[in-house]
PDB file of N, CA and C in Angstrom:
ATOM      1  N   MET A   1     -52.365 175.160-142.681  1.00  0.00           N
ATOM      2  CA  MET A   1     -52.351 175.770-143.960  1.00  0.00           C
ATOM      3  C   MET A   1     -50.958 176.396-144.327  1.00  0.00           C
ATOM      4  N   ARG A   2     -50.598 175.790-144.997  1.00  0.00           N
ATOM      5  CA  ARG A   2     -49.012 176.243-145.814  1.00  0.00           C
ATOM      6  C   ARG A   2     -49.050 177.706-146.469  1.00  0.00           C
ATOM      7  N   GLN A   3     -48.673 178.392-145.082  1.00  0.00           N
ATOM      8  CA  GLN A   3     -48.218 179.558-146.173  1.00  0.00           C
ATOM      9  C   GLN A   3     -46.974 180.064-144.980  1.00  0.00           C
ATOM     10  N   GLU A   4     -45.899 179.645-145.425  1.00  0.00           N
ATOM     11  CA  GLU A   4     -45.095 180.031-145.226  1.00  0.00           C
ATOM     12  C   GLU A   4     -44.222 181.509-145.281  1.00  0.00           C
ATOM     13  N   GLY A   5     -43.897 182.516-144.861  1.00  0.00           N
ATOM     14  CA  GLY A   5     -43.425 183.945-144.961  1.00  0.00           C
ATOM     15  C   GLY A   5     -44.849 184.445-145.620  1.00  0.00           C
ATOM     16  N   ARG A   6     -45.421 184.740-145.134  1.00  0.00           N
ATOM     17  CA  ARG A   6     -46.592 185.583-145.698  1.00  0.00           C
ATOM     18  C   ARG A   6     -46.876 185.028-147.040  1.00  0.00           C
ATOM     19  N   GLY A   7     -46.459 183.855-147.418  1.00  0.00           N
ATOM     20  CA  GLY A   7     -47.045 183.199-148.310  1.00  0.00           C
ATOM     21  C   GLY A   7     -46.123 183.418-149.331  1.00  0.00           C
ATOM     22  N   ILE A   8     -44.821 183.406-149.704  1.00  0.00           N
ATOM     23  CA  ILE A   8     -43.741 183.270-150.529  1.00  0.00           C
ATOM     24  C   ILE A   8     -43.237 182.303-150.382  1.00  0.00           C
ATOM     25  N   GLY A   9     -43.235 181.272-149.438  1.00  0.00           N
ATOM     26  CA  GLY A   9     -42.883 180.337-149.615  1.00  0.00           C
ATOM     27  C   GLY A   9     -41.364 180.277-148.834  1.00  0.00           C
ATOM     28  N   LEU A  10     -41.026 178.873-148.154  1.00  0.00           N
ATOM     29  CA  LEU A  10     -39.706 178.803-147.696  1.00  0.00           C
ATOM     30  C   LEU A  10     -38.497 179.375-147.743  1.00  0.00           C
ATOM     31  N   TYR A  11     -37.795 178.962-149.375  1.00  0.00           N
ATOM     32  CA  TYR A  11     -36.760 179.813-149.815  1.00  0.00           C
ATOM     33  C   TYR A  11     -37.021 180.813-150.059  1.00  0.00           C
ATOM     34  N   ASN A  12     -37.838 181.119-150.522  1.00  0.00           N
ATOM     35  CA  ASN A  12     -38.149 182.729-150.585  1.00  0.00           C
ATOM     36  C   ASN A  12     -37.829 183.857-149.575  1.00  0.00           C
ATOM     37  N   LYS A  13     -38.702 182.999-148.246  1.00  0.00           N
ATOM     38  CA  LYS A  13     -38.521 183.576-146.631  1.00  0.00           C
ATOM     39  C   LYS A  13     -36.982 183.647-146.288  1.00  0.00           C
ATOM     40  N   ILE A  14     -36.175 182.531-146.892  1.00  0.00           N
ATOM     41  CA  ILE A  14     -34.741 182.492-146.442  1.00  0.00           C
ATOM     42  C   ILE A  14     -34.504 184.255-146.807  1.00  0.00           C
ATOM     43  N   ASP A  15     -34.374 184.369-148.677  1.00  0.00           N
ATOM     44  CA  ASP A  15     -33.699 185.064-149.253  1.00  0.00           C
ATOM     45  C   ASP A  15     -34.121 186.330-148.650  1.00  0.00           C
ATOM     46  N   ALA A  16     -35.308 186.597-147.818  1.00  0.00           N
ATOM     47  CA  ALA A  16     -36.157 188.001-147.504  1.00  0.00           C
ATOM     48  C   ALA A  16     -35.479 188.064-146.116  1.00  0.00           C
ATOM     49  N   TYR A  17     -34.728 186.677-145.607  1.00  0.00           N
ATOM     50  CA  TYR A  17     -34.699 186.643-144.213  1.00  0.00           C
ATOM     51  C   TYR A  17     -32.440 187.901-144.048  1.00  0.00           C
ATOM     52  N   LYS A  18     -32.196 187.583-145.443  1.00  0.00           N
ATOM     53  CA  LYS A  18     -30.782 188.051-145.892  1.00  0.00           C
ATOM     54  C   LYS A  18     -30.903 189.434-145.762  1.00  0.00           C
ATOM     55  N   LEU A  19     -32.309 189.881-146.933  1.00  0.00           N
ATOM     56  CA  LEU A  19     -32.173 190.833-147.320  1.00  0.00           C
ATOM     57  C   LEU A  19     -32.183 191.943-145.874  1.00  0.00           C
ATOM     58  N   GLN A  20     -32.885 191.581-145.365  1.00  0.00           N
ATOM     59  CA  GLN A  20     -33.610 192.045-143.694  1.00  0.00           C
ATOM     60  C   GLN A  20     -32.186 192.363-142.892  1.00  0.00           C
ATOM     61  N   SER A  21     -31.424 191.096-142.992  1.00  0.00           N
ATOM     62  CA  SER A  21     -30.025 191.541-141.847  1.00  0.00           C
ATOM     63  C   SER A  21     -29.023 191.811-142.769  1.00  0.00           C
ATOM     64  N   GLU A  22     -29.878 193.250-144.310  1.00  0.00           N
ATOM     65  CA  GLU A  22     -29.048 194.337-145.010  1.00  0.00           C
ATOM     66  C   GLU A  22     -29.380 195.254-144.344  1.00  0.00           C
ATOM     67  N   GLY A  23     -30.938 195.483-143.684  1.00  0.00           N
ATOM     68  CA  GLY A  23     -31.422 196.627-143.765  1.00  0.00           C
ATOM     69  C   GLY A  23     -32.710 197.109-144.281  1.00  0.00           C
ATOM     70  N   MET A  24     -33.631 196.565-144.849  1.00  0.00           N
ATOM     71  CA  MET A  24     -34.346 196.254-145.272  1.00  0.00           C
ATOM     72  C   MET A  24     -35.870 195.631-144.261  1.00  0.00           C
ATOM     73  N   ASN A  25     -36.934 195.953-144.225  1.00  0.00           N
ATOM     74  CA  ASN A  25     -37.691 195.739-143.142  1.00  0.00           C
ATOM     75  C   ASN A  25     -38.295 194.402-143.586  1.00  0.00           C
ATOM     76  N   THR A  26     -39.252 193.790-142.874  1.00  0.00           N
ATOM     77  CA  THR A  26     -40.180 192.363-143.524  1.00  0.00           C
ATOM     78  C   THR A  26     -40.349 192.632-145.188  1.00  0.00           C
ATOM     79  N   TYR A  27     -41.656 194.160-144.836  1.00  0.00           N
ATOM     80  CA  TYR A  27     -42.117 194.167-146.250  1.00  0.00           C
ATOM     81  C   TYR A  27     -41.298 194.829-147.330  1.00  0.00           C
ATOM     82  N   GLU A  28     -40.286 195.214-147.677  1.00  0.00           N
ATOM     83  CA  GLU A  28     -39.256 195.815-148.088  1.00  0.00           C
ATOM     84  C   GLU A  28     -38.852 194.725-148.812  1.00  0.00           C
ATOM     85  N   ALA A  29     -38.033 193.738-147.529  1.00  0.00           N
ATOM     86  CA  ALA A  29     -37.386 192.505-148.462  1.00  0.00           C
ATOM     87  C   ALA A  29     -38.353 192.043-149.654  1.00  0.00           C
ATOM     88  N   ASN A  30     -39.835 191.195-149.515  1.00  0.00           N
ATOM     89  CA  ASN A  30     -40.590 190.954-149.627  1.00  0.00           C
ATOM     90  C   ASN A  30     -40.876 191.647-151.094  1.00  0.00           C
ATOM     91  N   ASN A  31     -41.372 192.698-151.435  1.00  0.00           N
ATOM     92  CA  ASN A  31     -41.268 193.356-152.077  1.00  0.00           C
ATOM     93  C   ASN A  31     -40.092 194.048-153.305  1.00  0.00           C
ATOM     94  N   HIS A  32     -39.290 193.737-152.196  1.00  0.00           N
ATOM     95  CA  HIS A  32     -37.688 193.790-153.364  1.00  0.00           C
ATOM     96  C   HIS A  32     -37.518 192.116-154.067  1.00  0.00           C
ATOM     97  N   LEU A  33     -37.987 191.267-153.789  1.00  0.00           N
ATOM     98  CA  LEU A  33     -38.028 190.043-154.170  1.00  0.00           C
ATOM     99  C   LEU A  33     -38.924 189.996-155.221  1.00  0.00           C
ATOM    100  N   GLY A  34     -40.039 191.008-155.379  1.00  0.00           N
ATOM    101  CA  GLY A  34     -41.274 190.890-156.413  1.00  0.00           C
ATOM    102  C   GLY A  34     -42.242 190.221-156.082  1.00  0.00           C
ATOM    103  N   PHE A  35     -42.732 190.247-154.686  1.00  0.00           N
ATOM    104  CA  PHE A  35     -44.017 189.814-153.925  1.00  0.00           C
ATOM    105  C   PHE A  35     -44.419 191.359-152.811  1.00  0.00           C
ATOM    106  N   GLY A  36     -46.114 190.715-153.125  1.00  0.00           N
ATOM    107  CA  GLY A  36     -46.643 191.735-152.440  1.00  0.00           C
ATOM    108  C   GLY A  36     -46.436 191.644-151.031  1.00  0.00           C
ATOM    109  N   ASP A  37     -47.154 192.648-150.174  1.00  0.00           N
ATOM    110  CA  ASP A  37     -46.724 192.663-148.617  1.00  0.00           C
ATOM    111  C   ASP A  37     -46.813 191.155-148.005  1.00  0.00           C
ATOM    112  N   ASP A  38     -48.391 190.818-148.602  1.00  0.00           N
ATOM    113  CA  ASP A  38     -48.619 189.387-147.804  1.00  0.00           C
ATOM    114  C   ASP A  38     -49.665 188.897-148.602  1.00  0.00           C
ATOM    115  N   LEU A  39     -48.954 187.433-148.912  1.00  0.00           N
ATOM    116  CA  LEU A  39     -49.590 186.993-150.509  1.00  0.00           C
ATOM    117  C   LEU A  39     -50.632 185.778-149.700  1.00  0.00           C
ATOM    118  N   ARG A  40     -50.535 185.799-148.331  1.00  0.00           N
ATOM    119  CA  ARG A  40     -51.763 184.456-147.640  1.00  0.00           C
ATOM    120  C   ARG A  40     -53.092 184.857-148.129  1.00  0.00           C
ATOM    121  N   ASP A  41     -53.875 183.750-147.777  1.00  0.00           N
ATOM    122  CA  ASP A  41     -55.034 183.942-148.808  1.00  0.00           C
ATOM    123  C   ASP A  41     -56.501 182.807-147.794  1.00  0.00           C
ATOM    124  N   PHE A  42     -56.866 184.023-146.877  1.00  0.00           N
ATOM    125  CA  PHE A  42     -57.206 182.803-145.454  1.00  0.00           C
ATOM    126  C   PHE A  42     -58.820 182.271-146.293  1.00  0.00           C
ATOM    127  N   THR A  43     -59.082 182.277-147.942  1.00  0.00           N
ATOM    128  CA  THR A  43     -60.131 181.898-147.897  1.00  0.00           C
ATOM    129  C   THR A  43     -60.392 180.239-147.103  1.00  0.00           C
ATOM    130  N   GLU A  44     -59.682 179.138-147.656  1.00  0.00           N
ATOM    131  CA  GLU A  44     -59.482 178.125-147.157  1.00  0.00           C
ATOM    132  C   GLU A  44     -60.061 178.014-145.019  1.00  0.00           C
ATOM    133  N   ALA A  45     -59.395 179.071-144.312  1.00  0.00           N
ATOM    134  CA  ALA A  45     -59.909 178.941-143.525  1.00  0.00           C
ATOM    135  C   ALA A  45     -61.211 179.339-142.934  1.00  0.00           C
ATOM    136  N   GLY A  46     -61.726 179.941-143.887  1.00  0.00           N
ATOM    137  CA  GLY A  46     -63.624 180.003-143.825  1.00  0.00           C
ATOM    138  C   GLY A  46     -64.378 179.129-143.886  1.00  0.00           C
ATOM    139  N   GLN A  47     -63.615 178.406-145.521  1.00  0.00           N
ATOM    140  CA  GLN A  47     -64.084 177.491-145.862  1.00  0.00           C
ATOM    141  C   GLN A  47     -64.395 176.029-144.953  1.00  0.00           C
ATOM    142  N   MET A  48     -63.399 176.279-143.974  1.00  0.00           N
ATOM    143  CA  MET A  48     -63.281 175.328-143.146  1.00  0.00           C
ATOM    144  C   MET A  48     -64.092 174.885-141.780  1.00  0.00           C
ATOM    145  N   LEU A  49     -64.165 176.411-141.788  1.00  0.00           N
ATOM    146  CA  LEU A  49     -65.172 176.959-140.220  1.00  0.00           C
ATOM    147  C   LEU A  49     -66.362 176.503-141.240  1.00  0.00           C
ATOM    148  N   SER A  50     -66.960 177.157-141.713  1.00  0.00           N
ATOM    149  CA  SER A  50     -67.885 177.036-142.662  1.00  0.00           C
ATOM    150  C   SER A  50     -68.553 175.343-142.850  1.00  0.00           C
ATOM    151  N   ALA A  51     -67.645 174.625-143.164  1.00  0.00           N
ATOM    152  CA  ALA A  51     -67.710 173.226-143.208  1.00  0.00           C
ATOM    153  C   ALA A  51     -68.070 172.210-142.247  1.00  0.00           C
ATOM    154  N   LEU A  52     -67.764 173.139-141.156  1.00  0.00           N
ATOM    155  CA  LEU A  52     -68.006 172.616-139.482  1.00  0.00           C
ATOM    156  C   LEU A  52     -68.872 173.190-139.112  1.00  0.00           C
ATOM    157  N   GLY A  53     -70.058 174.063-139.499  1.00  0.00           N
ATOM    158  CA  GLY A  53     -70.833 174.812-139.546  1.00  0.00           C
ATOM    159  C   GLY A  53     -70.871 176.617-138.075  1.00  0.00           C
ATOM    160  N   ILE A  54     -69.261 176.191-138.493  1.00  0.00           N
ATOM    161  CA  ILE A  54     -69.264 177.536-137.222  1.00  0.00           C
ATOM    162  C   ILE A  54     -69.408 178.338-138.271  1.00  0.00           C
ATOM    163  N   LYS A  55     -69.663 179.651-137.250  1.00  0.00           N
ATOM    164  CA  LYS A  55     -70.739 180.753-137.944  1.00  0.00           C
ATOM    165  C   LYS A  55     -70.011 182.329-137.354  1.00  0.00           C
ATOM    166  N   LYS A  56     -69.736 182.242-135.815  1.00  0.00           N
ATOM    167  CA  LYS A  56     -69.227 182.784-135.004  1.00  0.00           C
ATOM    168  C   LYS A  56     -67.709 181.897-134.342  1.00  0.00           C
ATOM    169  N   VAL A  57     -66.437 183.245-133.797  1.00  0.00           N
ATOM    170  CA  VAL A  57     -65.460 183.062-133.889  1.00  0.00           C
ATOM    171  C   VAL A  57     -64.792 183.718-132.794  1.00  0.00           C
ATOM    172  N   ARG A  58     -64.185 183.534-131.749  1.00  0.00           N
ATOM    173  CA  ARG A  58     -63.169 184.607-131.059  1.00  0.00           C
ATOM    174  C   ARG A  58     -61.879 184.018-131.980  1.00  0.00           C
ATOM    175  N   LEU A  59     -61.085 185.059-132.235  1.00  0.00           N
ATOM    176  CA  LEU A  59     -59.879 185.106-133.531  1.00  0.00           C
ATOM    177  C   LEU A  59     -58.990 185.370-132.483  1.00  0.00           C
ATOM    178  N   VAL A  60     -57.504 184.612-132.990  1.00  0.00           N
ATOM    179  CA  VAL A  60     -56.417 185.399-132.216  1.00  0.00           C
ATOM    180  C   VAL A  60     -55.848 185.434-132.847  1.00  0.00           C
ATOM    181  N   THR A  61     -55.343 186.651-133.011  1.00  0.00           N
ATOM    182  CA  THR A  61     -54.420 187.338-134.235  1.00  0.00           C
ATOM    183  C   THR A  61     -54.593 188.591-133.838  1.00  0.00           C
ATOM    184  N   ASN A  62     -53.368 189.507-134.421  1.00  0.00           N
ATOM    185  CA  ASN A  62     -53.066 190.768-134.654  1.00  0.00           C
ATOM    186  C   ASN A  62     -52.867 191.657-135.975  1.00  0.00           C
ATOM    187  N   ASN A  63     -53.856 190.391-136.530  1.00  0.00           N
ATOM    188  CA  ASN A  63     -53.561 190.928-138.271  1.00  0.00           C
ATOM    189  C   ASN A  63     -54.834 191.177-138.568  1.00  0.00           C
ATOM    190  N   PRO A  64     -54.850 192.321-139.310  1.00  0.00           N
ATOM    191  CA  PRO A  64     -56.311 192.653-139.772  1.00  0.00           C
ATOM    192  C   PRO A  64     -56.742 192.406-141.048  1.00  0.00           C
ATOM    193  N   LYS A  65     -55.817 191.892-141.427  1.00  0.00           N
ATOM    194  CA  LYS A  65     -55.864 191.377-142.682  1.00  0.00           C
ATOM    195  C   LYS A  65     -57.381 189.317-142.726  1.00  0.00           C
ATOM    196  N   LYS A  66     -56.536 188.781-141.569  1.00  0.00           N
ATOM    197  CA  LYS A  66     -57.051 188.047-141.026  1.00  0.00           C
ATOM    198  C   LYS A  66     -58.339 188.187-141.062  1.00  0.00           C
ATOM    199  N   ILE A  67     -58.411 189.519-139.844  1.00  0.00           N
ATOM    200  CA  ILE A  67     -60.196 189.681-139.219  1.00  0.00           C
ATOM    201  C   ILE A  67     -61.197 189.954-140.298  1.00  0.00           C
ATOM    202  N   LYS A  68     -60.597 190.946-141.867  1.00  0.00           N
ATOM    203  CA  LYS A  68     -61.532 191.149-142.316  1.00  0.00           C
ATOM    204  C   LYS A  68     -61.496 190.006-143.671  1.00  0.00           C
ATOM    205  N   SER A  69     -60.204 188.971-143.682  1.00  0.00           N
ATOM    206  CA  SER A  69     -61.325 187.952-144.544  1.00  0.00           C
ATOM    207  C   SER A  69     -62.007 187.080-144.284  1.00  0.00           C
ATOM    208  N   LEU A  70     -62.000 186.828-143.044  1.00  0.00           N
ATOM    209  CA  LEU A  70     -63.431 185.849-142.477  1.00  0.00           C
ATOM    210  C   LEU A  70     -64.719 186.626-142.230  1.00  0.00           C
ATOM    211  N   LYS A  71     -64.235 188.029-141.927  1.00  0.00           N
ATOM    212  CA  LYS A  71     -65.491 188.362-142.467  1.00  0.00           C
ATOM    213  C   LYS A  71     -66.850 188.333-143.278  1.00  0.00           C
ATOM    214  N   ASP A  72     -65.446 188.684-144.914  1.00  0.00           N
ATOM    215  CA  ASP A  72     -65.638 189.092-145.766  1.00  0.00           C
ATOM    216  C   ASP A  72     -66.344 187.673-146.540  1.00  0.00           C
ATOM    217  N   GLN A  73     -65.898 186.735-145.878  1.00  0.00           N
ATOM    218  CA  GLN A  73     -66.722 185.105-146.228  1.00  0.00           C
ATOM    219  C   GLN A  73     -67.900 184.803-145.197  1.00  0.00           C
ATOM    220  N   GLY A  74     -68.403 185.923-144.135  1.00  0.00           N
ATOM    221  CA  GLY A  74     -69.229 185.560-143.099  1.00  0.00           C
ATOM    222  C   GLY A  74     -68.935 184.496-142.068  1.00  0.00           C
ATOM    223  N   ILE A  75     -67.908 184.740-141.959  1.00  0.00           N
ATOM    224  CA  ILE A  75     -67.952 184.231-140.727  1.00  0.00           C
ATOM    225  C   ILE A  75     -68.099 185.438-139.291  1.00  0.00           C
ATOM    226  N   GLU A  76     -68.779 185.406-138.458  1.00  0.00           N
ATOM    227  CA  GLU A  76     -68.859 186.701-137.592  1.00  0.00           C
ATOM    228  C   GLU A  76     -67.786 186.386-136.802  1.00  0.00           C
ATOM    229  N   ILE A  77     -67.427 187.430-136.367  1.00  0.00           N
ATOM    230  CA  ILE A  77     -66.083 187.544-135.629  1.00  0.00           C
ATOM    231  C   ILE A  77     -66.690 188.158-134.367  1.00  0.00           C
ATOM    232  N   GLU A  78     -66.979 187.262-132.988  1.00  0.00           N
ATOM    233  CA  GLU A  78     -67.194 187.468-131.583  1.00  0.00           C
ATOM    234  C   GLU A  78     -66.231 188.498-130.870  1.00  0.00           C
ATOM    235  N   GLU A  79     -65.211 188.129-131.147  1.00  0.00           N
ATOM    236  CA  GLU A  79     -63.898 189.010-130.006  1.00  0.00           C
ATOM    237  C   GLU A  79     -62.738 188.962-130.862  1.00  0.00           C
ATOM    238  N   VAL A  80     -62.308 189.645-130.912  1.00  0.00           N
ATOM    239  CA  VAL A  80     -60.682 189.383-131.553  1.00  0.00           C
ATOM    240  C   VAL A  80     -59.769 189.254-129.953  1.00  0.00           C
ATOM    241  N   VAL A  81     -58.626 188.241-129.931  1.00  0.00           N
ATOM    242  CA  VAL A  81     -57.512 188.670-128.881  1.00  0.00           C
ATOM    243  C   VAL A  81     -56.366 188.635-129.393  1.00  0.00           C
ATOM    244  N   ASN A  82     -56.180 189.854-129.302  1.00  0.00           N
ATOM    245  CA  ASN A  82     -54.581 189.980-129.659  1.00  0.00           C
ATOM    246  C   ASN A  82     -53.769 189.453-128.376  1.00  0.00           C
ATOM    247  N   THR A  83     -52.600 188.903-129.528  1.00  0.00           N
ATOM    248  CA  THR A  83     -51.509 188.372-128.487  1.00  0.00           C
ATOM    249  C   THR A  83     -50.574 189.333-128.437  1.00  0.00           C
ATOM    250  N   SER A  84     -49.505 189.194-127.461  1.00  0.00           N
ATOM    251  CA  SER A  84     -48.421 189.497-127.016  1.00  0.00           C
ATOM    252  C   SER A  84     -47.473 189.760-127.530  1.00  0.00           C
ATOM    253  N   ALA A  85     -46.262 190.295-128.041  1.00  0.00           N
ATOM    254  CA  ALA A  85     -45.038 189.989-128.367  1.00  0.00           C
ATOM    255  C   ALA A  85     -44.371 190.226-127.055  1.00  0.00           C
ATOM    256  N   HIS A  86     -43.177 189.718-127.357  1.00  0.00           N
ATOM    257  CA  HIS A  86     -41.881 190.076-126.567  1.00  0.00           C
ATOM    258  C   HIS A  86     -41.203 190.744-127.332  1.00  0.00           C
ATOM    259  N   VAL A  87     -40.928 192.060-126.592  1.00  0.00           N
ATOM    260  CA  VAL A  87     -39.831 192.764-127.645  1.00  0.00           C
ATOM    261  C   VAL A  87     -38.444 193.095-126.941  1.00  0.00           C
ATOM    262  N   LYS A  88     -37.151 193.123-127.628  1.00  0.00           N
ATOM    263  CA  LYS A  88     -36.097 192.686-127.592  1.00  0.00           C
ATOM    264  C   LYS A  88     -35.365 193.435-128.399  1.00  0.00           C
ATOM    265  N   GLN A  89     -33.851 193.411-128.131  1.00  0.00           N
ATOM    266  CA  GLN A  89     -32.919 193.964-128.920  1.00  0.00           C
ATOM    267  C   GLN A  89     -33.095 193.065-130.225  1.00  0.00           C
ATOM    268  N   GLY A  90     -33.358 193.266-131.339  1.00  0.00           N
ATOM    269  CA  GLY A  90     -33.502 192.401-132.373  1.00  0.00           C
ATOM    270  C   GLY A  90     -34.250 191.780-133.303  1.00  0.00           C
ATOM    271  N   ASN A  91     -35.605 192.216-132.421  1.00  0.00           N
ATOM    272  CA  ASN A  91     -37.153 192.224-132.981  1.00  0.00           C
ATOM    273  C   ASN A  91     -37.553 193.463-133.038  1.00  0.00           C
ATOM    274  N   GLU A  92     -37.265 194.185-132.635  1.00  0.00           N
ATOM    275  CA  GLU A  92     -37.763 195.260-132.654  1.00  0.00           C
ATOM    276  C   GLU A  92     -37.957 196.117-133.986  1.00  0.00           C
ATOM    277  N   SER A  93     -37.681 196.484-135.211  1.00  0.00           N
ATOM    278  CA  SER A  93     -37.567 197.134-136.333  1.00  0.00           C
ATOM    279  C   SER A  93     -38.712 196.004-136.850  1.00  0.00           C
ATOM    280  N   TYR A  94     -38.385 194.733-136.679  1.00  0.00           N
ATOM    281  CA  TYR A  94     -39.566 193.687-137.308  1.00  0.00           C
ATOM    282  C   TYR A  94     -41.006 194.028-137.008  1.00  0.00           C
ATOM    283  N   LEU A  95     -41.026 194.283-135.588  1.00  0.00           N
ATOM    284  CA  LEU A  95     -42.416 194.431-134.820  1.00  0.00           C
ATOM    285  C   LEU A  95     -43.042 195.582-135.225  1.00  0.00           C
ATOM    286  N   ALA A  96     -42.282 196.861-135.817  1.00  0.00           N
ATOM    287  CA  ALA A  96     -42.530 198.116-135.751  1.00  0.00           C
ATOM    288  C   ALA A  96     -43.271 198.229-136.795  1.00  0.00           C
ATOM    289  N   ALA A  97     -42.490 197.607-137.933  1.00  0.00           N
ATOM    290  CA  ALA A  97     -42.860 197.268-139.546  1.00  0.00           C
ATOM    291  C   ALA A  97     -44.193 196.554-139.405  1.00  0.00           C
ATOM    292  N   LYS A  98     -44.438 195.710-138.900  1.00  0.00           N
ATOM    293  CA  LYS A  98     -45.590 194.396-139.047  1.00  0.00           C
ATOM    294  C   LYS A  98     -46.883 196.112-138.262  1.00  0.00           C
ATOM    295  N   VAL A  99     -46.386 196.984-137.068  1.00  0.00           N
ATOM    296  CA  VAL A  99     -47.351 197.565-137.181  1.00  0.00           C
ATOM    297  C   VAL A  99     -47.590 198.748-137.797  1.00  0.00           C
ATOM    298  N   SER A 100     -46.515 199.278-138.628  1.00  0.00           N
ATOM    299  CA  SER A 100     -46.800 200.436-139.222  1.00  0.00           C
ATOM    300  C   SER A 100     -46.979 200.643-140.664  1.00  0.00           C
ATOM    301  N   HIS A 101     -46.340 199.601-141.232  1.00  0.00           N
ATOM    302  CA  HIS A 101     -46.847 198.696-142.339  1.00  0.00           C
ATOM    303  C   HIS A 101     -47.781 198.234-142.470  1.00  0.00           C
ATOM    304  N   GLY A 102     -47.877 197.402-141.783  1.00  0.00           N
ATOM    305  CA  GLY A 102     -49.043 195.919-141.922  1.00  0.00           C
ATOM    306  C   GLY A 102     -50.216 196.053-141.419  1.00  0.00           C
ATOM    307  N   LYS A 103     -50.436 197.132-140.348  1.00  0.00           N
ATOM    308  CA  LYS A 103     -51.375 197.671-139.464  1.00  0.00           C
ATOM    309  C   LYS A 103     -51.733 196.495-138.406  1.00  0.00           C
ATOM    310  N   HIS A 104     -50.881 195.898-137.983  1.00  0.00           N
ATOM    311  CA  HIS A 104     -51.173 194.608-136.857  1.00  0.00           C
ATOM    312  C   HIS A 104     -51.226 195.178-135.787  1.00  0.00           C
ATOM    313  N   ASN A 105     -52.033 195.210-134.820  1.00  0.00           N
ATOM    314  CA  ASN A 105     -52.404 195.474-133.739  1.00  0.00           C
ATOM    315  C   ASN A 105     -51.443 194.815-132.680  1.00  0.00           C
ATOM    316  N   LEU A 106     -50.434 195.455-132.295  1.00  0.00           N
ATOM    317  CA  LEU A 106     -49.517 195.177-131.227  1.00  0.00           C
ATOM    318  C   LEU A 106     -49.017 196.155-130.830  1.00  0.00           C
ATOM    319  N   LYS A 107     -48.976 196.002-129.435  1.00  0.00           N
ATOM    320  CA  LYS A 107     -48.318 197.008-128.116  1.00  0.00           C
ATOM    321  C   LYS A 107     -46.615 196.813-128.367  1.00  0.00           C
ATOM    322  N   LEU A 108     -45.822 197.764-128.667  1.00  0.00           N
ATOM    323  CA  LEU A 108     -44.438 197.424-128.314  1.00  0.00           C
ATOM    324  C   LEU A 108     -43.700 198.306-127.211  1.00  0.00           C
ATOM    325  N   THR A 109     -44.163 197.658-126.281  1.00  0.00           N
ATOM    326  CA  THR A 109     -43.541 197.888-125.036  1.00  0.00           C
ATOM    327  C   THR A 109     -43.088 197.245-124.593  1.00  0.00           C
ATOM    328  N   LYS A 110     -41.636 197.876-123.833  1.00  0.00           N
ATOM    329  CA  LYS A 110     -40.614 196.382-123.015  1.00  0.00           C
ATOM    330  C   LYS A 110     -41.055 196.442-121.953  1.00  0.00           C
TER     331      LYS A 110
END
């Protein structure tokens, strides 16, 4: 699924990276460019699963929006498997914004 940069597209994501390098977090940068926090639509993913006859999944994600979207489409989430994140200098604030603003389920320990 082509949803680069939380759905804002690759070129806009590059502009967002510039704003992030100037101090905005990832969500603030998207908003500053006139976009919502996350424009991705996971309807197609649910439709593909349904078309394949898949009614329940183990979902690998930290993103609550993905979980909700699939549930809303009638896909049973049997288990959510959270991914880990390598916290290092340079990505701490990005990951912290995902947790505080995007409500991602990430454990941010070094």
